[in-house]
């Protein structure tokens, strides 16, 4: 999902460059860009904002599992 979010964000940034929307509203998100470069694509790669294992995900901040 991080790559999808990044793609959408880049599209909005292009609209801002064309003057269609405010650039202030669509600033680049450095953390998101870094995660995409590292291949952390969410469920697709098993890691993103959360580590994904099957149907459960582990929050990287506290190591707790959500189901």
C-alpha atoms as a PDB file:
ATOM      1  CA  UNK A   1       0.000   0.000   0.000  1.00  0.00           C
ATOM      2  CA  UNK A   2       2.885   2.407   0.585  1.00  0.00           C
ATOM      3  CA  UNK A   3       3.759   2.349  -3.114  1.00  0.00           C
ATOM      4  CA  UNK A   4       0.120   3.092  -4.033  1.00  0.00           C
ATOM      5  CA  UNK A   5      -0.035   5.969  -1.564  1.00  0.00           C
ATOM      6  CA  UNK A   6       3.262   7.311  -2.915  1.00  0.00           C
ATOM      7  CA  UNK A   7       1.962   7.100  -6.507  1.00  0.00           C
ATOM      8  CA  UNK A   8      -1.194   9.015  -5.582  1.00  0.00           C
ATOM      9  CA  UNK A   9       0.850  11.609  -3.689  1.00  0.00           C
ATOM     10  CA  UNK A  10       3.102  12.141  -6.713  1.00  0.00           C
ATOM     11  CA  UNK A  11       0.032  12.673  -8.901  1.00  0.00           C
ATOM     12  CA  UNK A  12      -1.257  15.371  -6.582  1.00  0.00           C
ATOM     13  CA  UNK A  13       2.203  16.989  -6.540  1.00  0.00           C
ATOM     14  CA  UNK A  14       2.083  17.191 -10.362  1.00  0.00           C
ATOM     15  CA  UNK A  15      -1.309  18.921 -10.126  1.00  0.00           C
ATOM     16  CA  UNK A  16       0.231  21.413  -7.703  1.00  0.00           C
ATOM     17  CA  UNK A  17       3.129  22.121 -10.082  1.00  0.00           C
ATOM     18  CA  UNK A  18       0.555  22.874 -12.785  1.00  0.00           C
ATOM     19  CA  UNK A  19      -1.137  25.326 -10.430  1.00  0.00           C
ATOM     20  CA  UNK A  20      -4.340  23.318 -10.143  1.00  0.00           C
ATOM     21  CA  UNK A  21      -4.064  22.935  -6.361  1.00  0.00           C
ATOM     22  CA  UNK A  22      -1.986  24.474  -3.588  1.00  0.00           C
ATOM     23  CA  UNK A  23       1.541  23.064  -3.262  1.00  0.00           C
ATOM     24  CA  UNK A  24       1.235  23.525   0.501  1.00  0.00           C
ATOM     25  CA  UNK A  25      -1.436  20.810   0.567  1.00  0.00           C
ATOM     26  CA  UNK A  26       0.664  18.133  -1.167  1.00  0.00           C
ATOM     27  CA  UNK A  27       4.186  18.362   0.184  1.00  0.00           C
ATOM     28  CA  UNK A  28       6.333  15.245  -0.423  1.00  0.00           C
ATOM     29  CA  UNK A  29       6.305  12.738   2.435  1.00  0.00           C
ATOM     30  CA  UNK A  30       9.960  11.776   3.100  1.00  0.00           C
ATOM     31  CA  UNK A  31       9.120   8.741   5.268  1.00  0.00           C
ATOM     32  CA  UNK A  32       6.807   7.344   2.606  1.00  0.00           C
ATOM     33  CA  UNK A  33       9.355   7.906  -0.179  1.00  0.00           C
ATOM     34  CA  UNK A  34      12.059   6.196   1.909  1.00  0.00           C
ATOM     35  CA  UNK A  35       9.852   3.175   2.577  1.00  0.00           C
ATOM     36  CA  UNK A  36       9.068   2.744  -1.132  1.00  0.00           C
ATOM     37  CA  UNK A  37      12.770   2.963  -2.019  1.00  0.00           C
ATOM     38  CA  UNK A  38      13.488   0.284   0.602  1.00  0.00           C
ATOM     39  CA  UNK A  39      10.845  -1.970  -0.952  1.00  0.00           C
ATOM     40  CA  UNK A  40       8.521  -1.755   2.046  1.00  0.00           C
ATOM     41  CA  UNK A  41       5.267  -1.964   0.088  1.00  0.00           C
ATOM     42  CA  UNK A  42       2.911  -3.117   2.849  1.00  0.00           C
ATOM     43  CA  UNK A  43       1.076  -6.386   2.260  1.00  0.00           C
ATOM     44  CA  UNK A  44       2.790  -6.854  -1.105  1.00  0.00           C
ATOM     45  CA  UNK A  45       6.186  -7.179   0.540  1.00  0.00           C
ATOM     46  CA  UNK A  46       5.165  -8.187   4.065  1.00  0.00           C
ATOM     47  CA  UNK A  47       6.471  -4.954   5.518  1.00  0.00           C
ATOM     48  CA  UNK A  48       5.467  -1.299   5.463  1.00  0.00           C
ATOM     49  CA  UNK A  49       3.999   0.718   8.300  1.00  0.00           C
ATOM     50  CA  UNK A  50       3.371  -2.718   9.846  1.00  0.00           C
ATOM     51  CA  UNK A  51       5.087  -6.090   9.479  1.00  0.00           C
ATOM     52  CA  UNK A  52       2.546  -8.413   7.902  1.00  0.00           C
ATOM     53  CA  UNK A  53       2.535 -12.146   8.524  1.00  0.00           C
ATOM     54  CA  UNK A  54      -0.425 -14.000   7.083  1.00  0.00           C
ATOM     55  CA  UNK A  55      -3.580 -12.449   8.452  1.00  0.00           C
ATOM     56  CA  UNK A  56      -1.983 -10.907  11.538  1.00  0.00           C
ATOM     57  CA  UNK A  57       0.066  -7.746  11.507  1.00  0.00           C
ATOM     58  CA  UNK A  58       2.651  -6.653  14.015  1.00  0.00           C
ATOM     59  CA  UNK A  59       2.904  -2.995  14.905  1.00  0.00           C
ATOM     60  CA  UNK A  60       6.597  -2.120  14.531  1.00  0.00           C
ATOM     61  CA  UNK A  61       6.418   0.394  17.350  1.00  0.00           C
ATOM     62  CA  UNK A  62       5.328  -1.939  20.130  1.00  0.00           C
ATOM     63  CA  UNK A  63       5.582  -5.473  18.682  1.00  0.00           C
ATOM     64  CA  UNK A  64       1.912  -6.177  19.445  1.00  0.00           C
ATOM     65  CA  UNK A  65      -0.208  -8.193  17.020  1.00  0.00           C
ATOM     66  CA  UNK A  66      -3.562  -7.193  15.564  1.00  0.00           C
ATOM     67  CA  UNK A  67      -5.856  -9.764  13.965  1.00  0.00           C
END
